[in-house]
Amino acid sequence: MQQLEQEIKQVIIDVLQLEDITPTDIVTDAPLFVDGLGLDSIDALELGVALQKRYGISLSADSAETRQHFASVHALAAMVASKRTK
């Protein structure tokens, strides 16, 4: 799971072009939106598309469940681990 969390941190940095941040700067259980990294809905969309492509998962943008998965890197990793096809 730690390896997957590190991969997702790197995906976040790459996709959102966070040039001044390294994977170690991202706290695994910290919120990704508002507090924490301060991502917005556009960032969520870009990140969701990248995760779908990389891991072969399906996400519904309107789902409350999907919003919960985007709460933190840990939550994203758990979701990817349970749904991944790649």
PDB file of N, CA and C in Angstrom:
ATOM      1  N   MET A   1       0.830  -1.198   0.000  1.00  0.00           N
ATOM      2  CA  MET A   1       0.000   0.000   0.000  1.00  0.00           C
ATOM      3  C   MET A   1       0.875   1.263   0.000  1.00  0.00           C
ATOM      4  N   GLN A   2       1.997   1.219   0.722  1.00  0.00           N
ATOM      5  CA  GLN A   2       2.870   2.400   0.751  1.00  0.00           C
ATOM      6  C   GLN A   2       3.415   2.723  -0.632  1.00  0.00           C
ATOM      7  N   GLN A   3       3.742   1.693  -1.395  1.00  0.00           N
ATOM      8  CA  GLN A   3       4.248   1.905  -2.750  1.00  0.00           C
ATOM      9  C   GLN A   3       3.183   2.606  -3.599  1.00  0.00           C
ATOM     10  N   LEU A   4       1.934   2.148  -3.489  1.00  0.00           N
ATOM     11  CA  LEU A   4       0.836   2.742  -4.242  1.00  0.00           C
ATOM     12  C   LEU A   4       0.612   4.192  -3.804  1.00  0.00           C
ATOM     13  N   GLU A   5       0.688   4.449  -2.515  1.00  0.00           N
ATOM     14  CA  GLU A   5       0.533   5.822  -2.017  1.00  0.00           C
ATOM     15  C   GLU A   5       1.619   6.726  -2.597  1.00  0.00           C
ATOM     16  N   GLN A   6       2.862   6.231  -2.667  1.00  0.00           N
ATOM     17  CA  GLN A   6       3.955   7.017  -3.243  1.00  0.00           C
ATOM     18  C   GLN A   6       3.710   7.281  -4.731  1.00  0.00           C
ATOM     19  N   GLU A   7       3.218   6.259  -5.449  1.00  0.00           N
ATOM     20  CA  GLU A   7       2.897   6.428  -6.871  1.00  0.00           C
ATOM     21  C   GLU A   7       1.832   7.502  -7.058  1.00  0.00           C
ATOM     22  N   ILE A   8       0.793   7.461  -6.227  1.00  0.00           N
ATOM     23  CA  ILE A   8      -0.301   8.427  -6.346  1.00  0.00           C
ATOM     24  C   ILE A   8       0.191   9.833  -6.023  1.00  0.00           C
ATOM     25  N   LYS A   9       1.059   9.965  -5.038  1.00  0.00           N
ATOM     26  CA  LYS A   9       1.637  11.276  -4.734  1.00  0.00           C
ATOM     27  C   LYS A   9       2.388  11.812  -5.950  1.00  0.00           C
ATOM     28  N   GLN A  10       3.135  10.938  -6.628  1.00  0.00           N
ATOM     29  CA  GLN A  10       3.882  11.369  -7.807  1.00  0.00           C
ATOM     30  C   GLN A  10       2.930  11.730  -8.946  1.00  0.00           C
ATOM     31  N   VAL A  11       1.831  10.976  -9.094  1.00  0.00           N
ATOM     32  CA  VAL A  11       0.827  11.294 -10.118  1.00  0.00           C
ATOM     33  C   VAL A  11       0.237  12.675  -9.846  1.00  0.00           C
ATOM     34  N   ILE A  12      -0.085  12.958  -8.594  1.00  0.00           N
ATOM     35  CA  ILE A  12      -0.642  14.268  -8.221  1.00  0.00           C
ATOM     36  C   ILE A  12       0.340  15.370  -8.628  1.00  0.00           C
ATOM     37  N   ILE A  13       1.602  15.198  -8.296  1.00  0.00           N
ATOM     38  CA  ILE A  13       2.617  16.205  -8.610  1.00  0.00           C
ATOM     39  C   ILE A  13       2.753  16.383 -10.121  1.00  0.00           C
ATOM     40  N   ASP A  14       2.823  15.272 -10.848  1.00  0.00           N
ATOM     41  CA  ASP A  14       3.024  15.329 -12.301  1.00  0.00           C
ATOM     42  C   ASP A  14       1.820  15.920 -13.028  1.00  0.00           C
ATOM     43  N   VAL A  15       0.642  15.411 -12.715  1.00  0.00           N
ATOM     44  CA  VAL A  15      -0.575  15.825 -13.426  1.00  0.00           C
ATOM     45  C   VAL A  15      -0.910  17.286 -13.141  1.00  0.00           C
ATOM     46  N   LEU A  16      -0.751  17.700 -11.904  1.00  0.00           N
ATOM     47  CA  LEU A  16      -1.126  19.066 -11.522  1.00  0.00           C
ATOM     48  C   LEU A  16       0.056  20.034 -11.601  1.00  0.00           C
ATOM     49  N   GLN A  17       1.179  19.535 -12.072  1.00  0.00           N
ATOM     50  CA  GLN A  17       2.382  20.351 -12.262  1.00  0.00           C
ATOM     51  C   GLN A  17       2.740  21.147 -11.006  1.00  0.00           C
ATOM     52  N   LEU A  18       2.808  20.444  -9.886  1.00  0.00           N
ATOM     53  CA  LEU A  18       3.172  21.059  -8.608  1.00  0.00           C
ATOM     54  C   LEU A  18       4.698  21.041  -8.494  1.00  0.00           C
ATOM     55  N   GLU A  19       5.330  22.027  -9.083  1.00  0.00           N
ATOM     56  CA  GLU A  19       6.781  22.039  -9.245  1.00  0.00           C
ATOM     57  C   GLU A  19       7.562  22.152  -7.941  1.00  0.00           C
ATOM     58  N   ASP A  20       7.000  22.785  -6.937  1.00  0.00           N
ATOM     59  CA  ASP A  20       7.729  23.024  -5.692  1.00  0.00           C
ATOM     60  C   ASP A  20       7.442  21.975  -4.623  1.00  0.00           C
ATOM     61  N   ILE A  21       6.785  20.871  -5.008  1.00  0.00           N
ATOM     62  CA  ILE A  21       6.383  19.857  -4.038  1.00  0.00           C
ATOM     63  C   ILE A  21       6.998  18.517  -4.419  1.00  0.00           C
ATOM     64  N   THR A  22       7.452  17.771  -3.406  1.00  0.00           N
ATOM     65  CA  THR A  22       7.948  16.413  -3.611  1.00  0.00           C
ATOM     66  C   THR A  22       6.969  15.447  -2.944  1.00  0.00           C
ATOM     67  N   PRO A  23       7.034  14.162  -3.282  1.00  0.00           N
ATOM     68  CA  PRO A  23       6.124  13.207  -2.637  1.00  0.00           C
ATOM     69  C   PRO A  23       6.215  13.223  -1.110  1.00  0.00           C
ATOM     70  N   THR A  24       7.391  13.477  -0.566  1.00  0.00           N
ATOM     71  CA  THR A  24       7.523  13.514   0.895  1.00  0.00           C
ATOM     72  C   THR A  24       6.833  14.734   1.510  1.00  0.00           C
ATOM     73  N   ASP A  25       6.562  15.754   0.705  1.00  0.00           N
ATOM     74  CA  ASP A  25       5.853  16.948   1.201  1.00  0.00           C
ATOM     75  C   ASP A  25       4.354  16.688   1.375  1.00  0.00           C
ATOM     76  N   ILE A  26       3.844  15.658   0.717  1.00  0.00           N
ATOM     77  CA  ILE A  26       2.409  15.367   0.771  1.00  0.00           C
ATOM     78  C   ILE A  26       2.150  14.380   1.906  1.00  0.00           C
ATOM     79  N   VAL A  27       1.375  14.814   2.883  1.00  0.00           N
ATOM     80  CA  VAL A  27       1.038  13.959   4.017  1.00  0.00           C
ATOM     81  C   VAL A  27      -0.067  12.996   3.576  1.00  0.00           C
ATOM     82  N   THR A  28       0.171  11.709   3.765  1.00  0.00           N
ATOM     83  CA  THR A  28      -0.718  10.662   3.253  1.00  0.00           C
ATOM     84  C   THR A  28      -2.158  10.815   3.723  1.00  0.00           C
ATOM     85  N   ASP A  29      -2.361  11.200   4.978  1.00  0.00           N
ATOM     86  CA  ASP A  29      -3.715  11.313   5.523  1.00  0.00           C
ATOM     87  C   ASP A  29      -4.261  12.737   5.523  1.00  0.00           C
ATOM     88  N   ALA A  30      -3.503  13.682   4.993  1.00  0.00           N
ATOM     89  CA  ALA A  30      -3.956  15.075   4.967  1.00  0.00           C
ATOM     90  C   ALA A  30      -5.002  15.275   3.868  1.00  0.00           C
ATOM     91  N   PRO A  31      -5.913  16.216   4.076  1.00  0.00           N
ATOM     92  CA  PRO A  31      -6.921  16.502   3.041  1.00  0.00           C
ATOM     93  C   PRO A  31      -6.251  16.992   1.755  1.00  0.00           C
ATOM     94  N   LEU A  32      -6.829  16.618   0.631  1.00  0.00           N
ATOM     95  CA  LEU A  32      -6.308  17.085  -0.653  1.00  0.00           C
ATOM     96  C   LEU A  32      -6.939  18.412  -1.052  1.00  0.00           C
ATOM     97  N   PHE A  33      -8.132  18.694  -0.554  1.00  0.00           N
ATOM     98  CA  PHE A  33      -8.874  19.890  -0.952  1.00  0.00           C
ATOM     99  C   PHE A  33      -8.977  20.857   0.211  1.00  0.00           C
ATOM    100  N   VAL A  34      -9.156  22.132  -0.108  1.00  0.00           N
ATOM    101  CA  VAL A  34      -9.267  23.231   0.849  1.00  0.00           C
ATOM    102  C   VAL A  34      -8.020  23.253   1.735  1.00  0.00           C
ATOM    103  N   ASP A  35      -8.066  22.588   2.894  1.00  0.00           N
ATOM    104  CA  ASP A  35      -6.862  22.485   3.732  1.00  0.00           C
ATOM    105  C   ASP A  35      -5.929  21.498   3.044  1.00  0.00           C
ATOM    106  N   GLY A  36      -4.803  21.241   3.617  1.00  0.00           N
ATOM    107  CA  GLY A  36      -3.884  20.281   2.996  1.00  0.00           C
ATOM    108  C   GLY A  36      -3.291  20.860   1.725  1.00  0.00           C
ATOM    109  N   LEU A  37      -3.431  20.163   0.599  1.00  0.00           N
ATOM    110  CA  LEU A  37      -2.854  20.628  -0.665  1.00  0.00           C
ATOM    111  C   LEU A  37      -3.625  21.785  -1.286  1.00  0.00           C
ATOM    112  N   GLY A  38      -4.872  21.976  -0.904  1.00  0.00           N
ATOM    113  CA  GLY A  38      -5.652  23.088  -1.434  1.00  0.00           C
ATOM    114  C   GLY A  38      -6.091  22.902  -2.873  1.00  0.00           C
ATOM    115  N   LEU A  39      -6.326  21.662  -3.281  1.00  0.00           N
ATOM    116  CA  LEU A  39      -6.773  21.405  -4.651  1.00  0.00           C
ATOM    117  C   LEU A  39      -8.201  21.887  -4.853  1.00  0.00           C
ATOM    118  N   ASP A  40      -8.585  22.083  -6.126  1.00  0.00           N
ATOM    119  CA  ASP A  40      -9.953  22.496  -6.430  1.00  0.00           C
ATOM    120  C   ASP A  40     -10.618  21.465  -7.342  1.00  0.00           C
ATOM    121  N   SER A  41     -11.823  21.771  -7.800  1.00  0.00           N
ATOM    122  CA  SER A  41     -12.594  20.802  -8.590  1.00  0.00           C
ATOM    123  C   SER A  41     -11.947  20.499  -9.935  1.00  0.00           C
ATOM    124  N   ILE A  42     -11.284  21.462 -10.537  1.00  0.00           N
ATOM    125  CA  ILE A  42     -10.579  21.222 -11.801  1.00  0.00           C
ATOM    126  C   ILE A  42      -9.419  20.249 -11.565  1.00  0.00           C
ATOM    127  N   ASP A  43      -8.704  20.455 -10.458  1.00  0.00           N
ATOM    128  CA  ASP A  43      -7.622  19.541 -10.100  1.00  0.00           C
ATOM    129  C   ASP A  43      -8.163  18.120  -9.911  1.00  0.00           C
ATOM    130  N   ALA A  44      -9.319  18.011  -9.262  1.00  0.00           N
ATOM    131  CA  ALA A  44      -9.927  16.696  -9.026  1.00  0.00           C
ATOM    132  C   ALA A  44     -10.248  16.008 -10.340  1.00  0.00           C
ATOM    133  N   LEU A  45     -10.775  16.764 -11.277  1.00  0.00           N
ATOM    134  CA  LEU A  45     -11.107  16.206 -12.587  1.00  0.00           C
ATOM    135  C   LEU A  45      -9.842  15.706 -13.294  1.00  0.00           C
ATOM    136  N   GLU A  46      -8.805  16.526 -13.326  1.00  0.00           N
ATOM    137  CA  GLU A  46      -7.549  16.135 -13.975  1.00  0.00           C
ATOM    138  C   GLU A  46      -6.937  14.909 -13.295  1.00  0.00           C
ATOM    139  N   LEU A  47      -6.964  14.890 -11.981  1.00  0.00           N
ATOM    140  CA  LEU A  47      -6.411  13.773 -11.228  1.00  0.00           C
ATOM    141  C   LEU A  47      -7.227  12.500 -11.466  1.00  0.00           C
ATOM    142  N   GLY A  48      -8.550  12.644 -11.483  1.00  0.00           N
ATOM    143  CA  GLY A  48      -9.421  11.491 -11.734  1.00  0.00           C
ATOM    144  C   GLY A  48      -9.157  10.867 -13.090  1.00  0.00           C
ATOM    145  N   VAL A  49      -9.002  11.696 -14.117  1.00  0.00           N
ATOM    146  CA  VAL A  49      -8.717  11.194 -15.469  1.00  0.00           C
ATOM    147  C   VAL A  49      -7.374  10.468 -15.482  1.00  0.00           C
ATOM    148  N   ALA A  50      -6.376  11.045 -14.833  1.00  0.00           N
ATOM    149  CA  ALA A  50      -5.042  10.428 -14.797  1.00  0.00           C
ATOM    150  C   ALA A  50      -5.079   9.078 -14.084  1.00  0.00           C
ATOM    151  N   LEU A  51      -5.814   8.996 -12.979  1.00  0.00           N
ATOM    152  CA  LEU A  51      -5.906   7.730 -12.245  1.00  0.00           C
ATOM    153  C   LEU A  51      -6.647   6.677 -13.060  1.00  0.00           C
ATOM    154  N   GLN A  52      -7.695   7.090 -13.780  1.00  0.00           N
ATOM    155  CA  GLN A  52      -8.432   6.155 -14.623  1.00  0.00           C
ATOM    156  C   GLN A  52      -7.526   5.572 -15.702  1.00  0.00           C
ATOM    157  N   LYS A  53      -6.731   6.428 -16.331  1.00  0.00           N
ATOM    158  CA  LYS A  53      -5.827   5.977 -17.393  1.00  0.00           C
ATOM    159  C   LYS A  53      -4.728   5.077 -16.850  1.00  0.00           C
ATOM    160  N   ARG A  54      -4.126   5.490 -15.751  1.00  0.00           N
ATOM    161  CA  ARG A  54      -2.973   4.752 -15.217  1.00  0.00           C
ATOM    162  C   ARG A  54      -3.357   3.405 -14.626  1.00  0.00           C
ATOM    163  N   TYR A  55      -4.483   3.349 -13.917  1.00  0.00           N
ATOM    164  CA  TYR A  55      -4.836   2.134 -13.186  1.00  0.00           C
ATOM    165  C   TYR A  55      -6.037   1.384 -13.765  1.00  0.00           C
ATOM    166  N   GLY A  56      -6.628   1.896 -14.838  1.00  0.00           N
ATOM    167  CA  GLY A  56      -7.747   1.210 -15.467  1.00  0.00           C
ATOM    168  C   GLY A  56      -8.992   1.153 -14.598  1.00  0.00           C
ATOM    169  N   ILE A  57      -9.189   2.190 -13.769  1.00  0.00           N
ATOM    170  CA  ILE A  57     -10.361   2.219 -12.884  1.00  0.00           C
ATOM    171  C   ILE A  57     -11.444   3.100 -13.489  1.00  0.00           C
ATOM    172  N   SER A  58     -12.647   2.941 -12.988  1.00  0.00           N
ATOM    173  CA  SER A  58     -13.774   3.748 -13.435  1.00  0.00           C
ATOM    174  C   SER A  58     -14.254   4.596 -12.268  1.00  0.00           C
ATOM    175  N   LEU A  59     -14.434   5.892 -12.518  1.00  0.00           N
ATOM    176  CA  LEU A  59     -14.895   6.815 -11.482  1.00  0.00           C
ATOM    177  C   LEU A  59     -16.110   7.574 -11.978  1.00  0.00           C
ATOM    178  N   SER A  60     -17.040   7.841 -11.086  1.00  0.00           N
ATOM    179  CA  SER A  60     -18.199   8.661 -11.405  1.00  0.00           C
ATOM    180  C   SER A  60     -18.024  10.024 -10.736  1.00  0.00           C
ATOM    181  N   ALA A  61     -17.991  11.069 -11.532  1.00  0.00           N
ATOM    182  CA  ALA A  61     -17.744  12.408 -10.993  1.00  0.00           C
ATOM    183  C   ALA A  61     -18.838  12.871 -10.045  1.00  0.00           C
ATOM    184  N   ASP A  62     -20.051  12.388 -10.238  1.00  0.00           N
ATOM    185  CA  ASP A  62     -21.174  12.851  -9.419  1.00  0.00           C
ATOM    186  C   ASP A  62     -21.393  12.016  -8.157  1.00  0.00           C
ATOM    187  N   SER A  63     -20.625  10.977  -7.991  1.00  0.00           N
ATOM    188  CA  SER A  63     -20.824  10.057  -6.881  1.00  0.00           C
ATOM    189  C   SER A  63     -20.267  10.617  -5.568  1.00  0.00           C
ATOM    190  N   ALA A  64     -21.064  10.525  -4.510  1.00  0.00           N
ATOM    191  CA  ALA A  64     -20.591  10.935  -3.185  1.00  0.00           C
ATOM    192  C   ALA A  64     -19.462  10.007  -2.739  1.00  0.00           C
ATOM    193  N   GLU A  65     -19.540   8.753  -3.146  1.00  0.00           N
ATOM    194  CA  GLU A  65     -18.501   7.780  -2.814  1.00  0.00           C
ATOM    195  C   GLU A  65     -17.160   8.199  -3.431  1.00  0.00           C
ATOM    196  N   THR A  66     -17.200   8.666  -4.672  1.00  0.00           N
ATOM    197  CA  THR A  66     -15.975   9.118  -5.335  1.00  0.00           C
ATOM    198  C   THR A  66     -15.387  10.311  -4.581  1.00  0.00           C
ATOM    199  N   ARG A  67     -16.230  11.221  -4.143  1.00  0.00           N
ATOM    200  CA  ARG A  67     -15.741  12.383  -3.383  1.00  0.00           C
ATOM    201  C   ARG A  67     -15.028  11.942  -2.112  1.00  0.00           C
ATOM    202  N   GLN A  68     -15.547  10.905  -1.459  1.00  0.00           N
ATOM    203  CA  GLN A  68     -14.911  10.393  -0.239  1.00  0.00           C
ATOM    204  C   GLN A  68     -13.527   9.827  -0.553  1.00  0.00           C
ATOM    205  N   HIS A  69     -13.395   9.174  -1.713  1.00  0.00           N
ATOM    206  CA  HIS A  69     -12.108   8.592  -2.099  1.00  0.00           C
ATOM    207  C   HIS A  69     -11.055   9.665  -2.333  1.00  0.00           C
ATOM    208  N   PHE A  70     -11.476  10.864  -2.689  1.00  0.00           N
ATOM    209  CA  PHE A  70     -10.536  11.947  -2.954  1.00  0.00           C
ATOM    210  C   PHE A  70     -10.223  12.755  -1.687  1.00  0.00           C
ATOM    211  N   ALA A  71     -10.571  12.234  -0.527  1.00  0.00           N
ATOM    212  CA  ALA A  71     -10.339  12.944   0.729  1.00  0.00           C
ATOM    213  C   ALA A  71      -8.845  13.057   1.048  1.00  0.00           C
ATOM    214  N   SER A  72      -8.074  12.006   0.723  1.00  0.00           N
ATOM    215  CA  SER A  72      -6.643  11.993   1.037  1.00  0.00           C
ATOM    216  C   SER A  72      -5.936  11.011   0.112  1.00  0.00           C
ATOM    217  N   VAL A  73      -4.626  11.046   0.138  1.00  0.00           N
ATOM    218  CA  VAL A  73      -3.840  10.090  -0.656  1.00  0.00           C
ATOM    219  C   VAL A  73      -4.138   8.671  -0.181  1.00  0.00           C
ATOM    220  N   HIS A  74      -4.237   8.489   1.123  1.00  0.00           N
ATOM    221  CA  HIS A  74      -4.526   7.161   1.673  1.00  0.00           C
ATOM    222  C   HIS A  74      -5.864   6.635   1.142  1.00  0.00           C
ATOM    223  N   ALA A  75      -6.884   7.476   1.145  1.00  0.00           N
ATOM    224  CA  ALA A  75      -8.207   7.072   0.647  1.00  0.00           C
ATOM    225  C   ALA A  75      -8.150   6.749  -0.844  1.00  0.00           C
ATOM    226  N   LEU A  76      -7.410   7.546  -1.608  1.00  0.00           N
ATOM    227  CA  LEU A  76      -7.251   7.273  -3.045  1.00  0.00           C
ATOM    228  C   LEU A  76      -6.545   5.943  -3.271  1.00  0.00           C
ATOM    229  N   ALA A  77      -5.492   5.688  -2.514  1.00  0.00           N
ATOM    230  CA  ALA A  77      -4.739   4.436  -2.669  1.00  0.00           C
ATOM    231  C   ALA A  77      -5.618   3.228  -2.349  1.00  0.00           C
ATOM    232  N   ALA A  78      -6.428   3.333  -1.302  1.00  0.00           N
ATOM    233  CA  ALA A  78      -7.311   2.230  -0.926  1.00  0.00           C
ATOM    234  C   ALA A  78      -8.326   1.968  -2.042  1.00  0.00           C
ATOM    235  N   MET A  79      -8.870   3.026  -2.621  1.00  0.00           N
ATOM    236  CA  MET A  79      -9.833   2.887  -3.711  1.00  0.00           C
ATOM    237  C   MET A  79      -9.174   2.274  -4.944  1.00  0.00           C
ATOM    238  N   VAL A  80      -8.009   2.767  -5.321  1.00  0.00           N
ATOM    239  CA  VAL A  80      -7.303   2.248  -6.486  1.00  0.00           C
ATOM    240  C   VAL A  80      -6.965   0.767  -6.275  1.00  0.00           C
ATOM    241  N   ALA A  81      -6.504   0.435  -5.091  1.00  0.00           N
ATOM    242  CA  ALA A  81      -6.142  -0.962  -4.800  1.00  0.00           C
ATOM    243  C   ALA A  81      -7.338  -1.893  -4.951  1.00  0.00           C
ATOM    244  N   SER A  82      -8.514  -1.411  -4.596  1.00  0.00           N
ATOM    245  CA  SER A  82      -9.697  -2.263  -4.671  1.00  0.00           C
ATOM    246  C   SER A  82     -10.295  -2.334  -6.073  1.00  0.00           C
ATOM    247  N   LYS A  83      -9.995  -1.348  -6.941  1.00  0.00           N
ATOM    248  CA  LYS A  83     -10.625  -1.287  -8.264  1.00  0.00           C
ATOM    249  C   LYS A  83      -9.677  -1.486  -9.440  1.00  0.00           C
ATOM    250  N   ARG A  84      -8.396  -1.473  -9.208  1.00  0.00           N
ATOM    251  CA  ARG A  84      -7.446  -1.418 -10.325  1.00  0.00           C
ATOM    252  C   ARG A  84      -7.514  -2.659 -11.210  1.00  0.00           C
ATOM    253  N   THR A  85      -7.312  -2.422 -12.485  1.00  0.00           N
ATOM    254  CA  THR A  85      -7.266  -3.514 -13.464  1.00  0.00           C
ATOM    255  C   THR A  85      -5.899  -3.558 -14.140  1.00  0.00           C
ATOM    256  N   LYS A  86      -5.060  -2.559 -13.885  1.00  0.00           N
ATOM    257  CA  LYS A  86      -3.718  -2.510 -14.501  1.00  0.00           C
ATOM    258  C   LYS A  86      -2.653  -2.641 -13.439  1.00  0.00           C
TER     259      LYS A  86
END
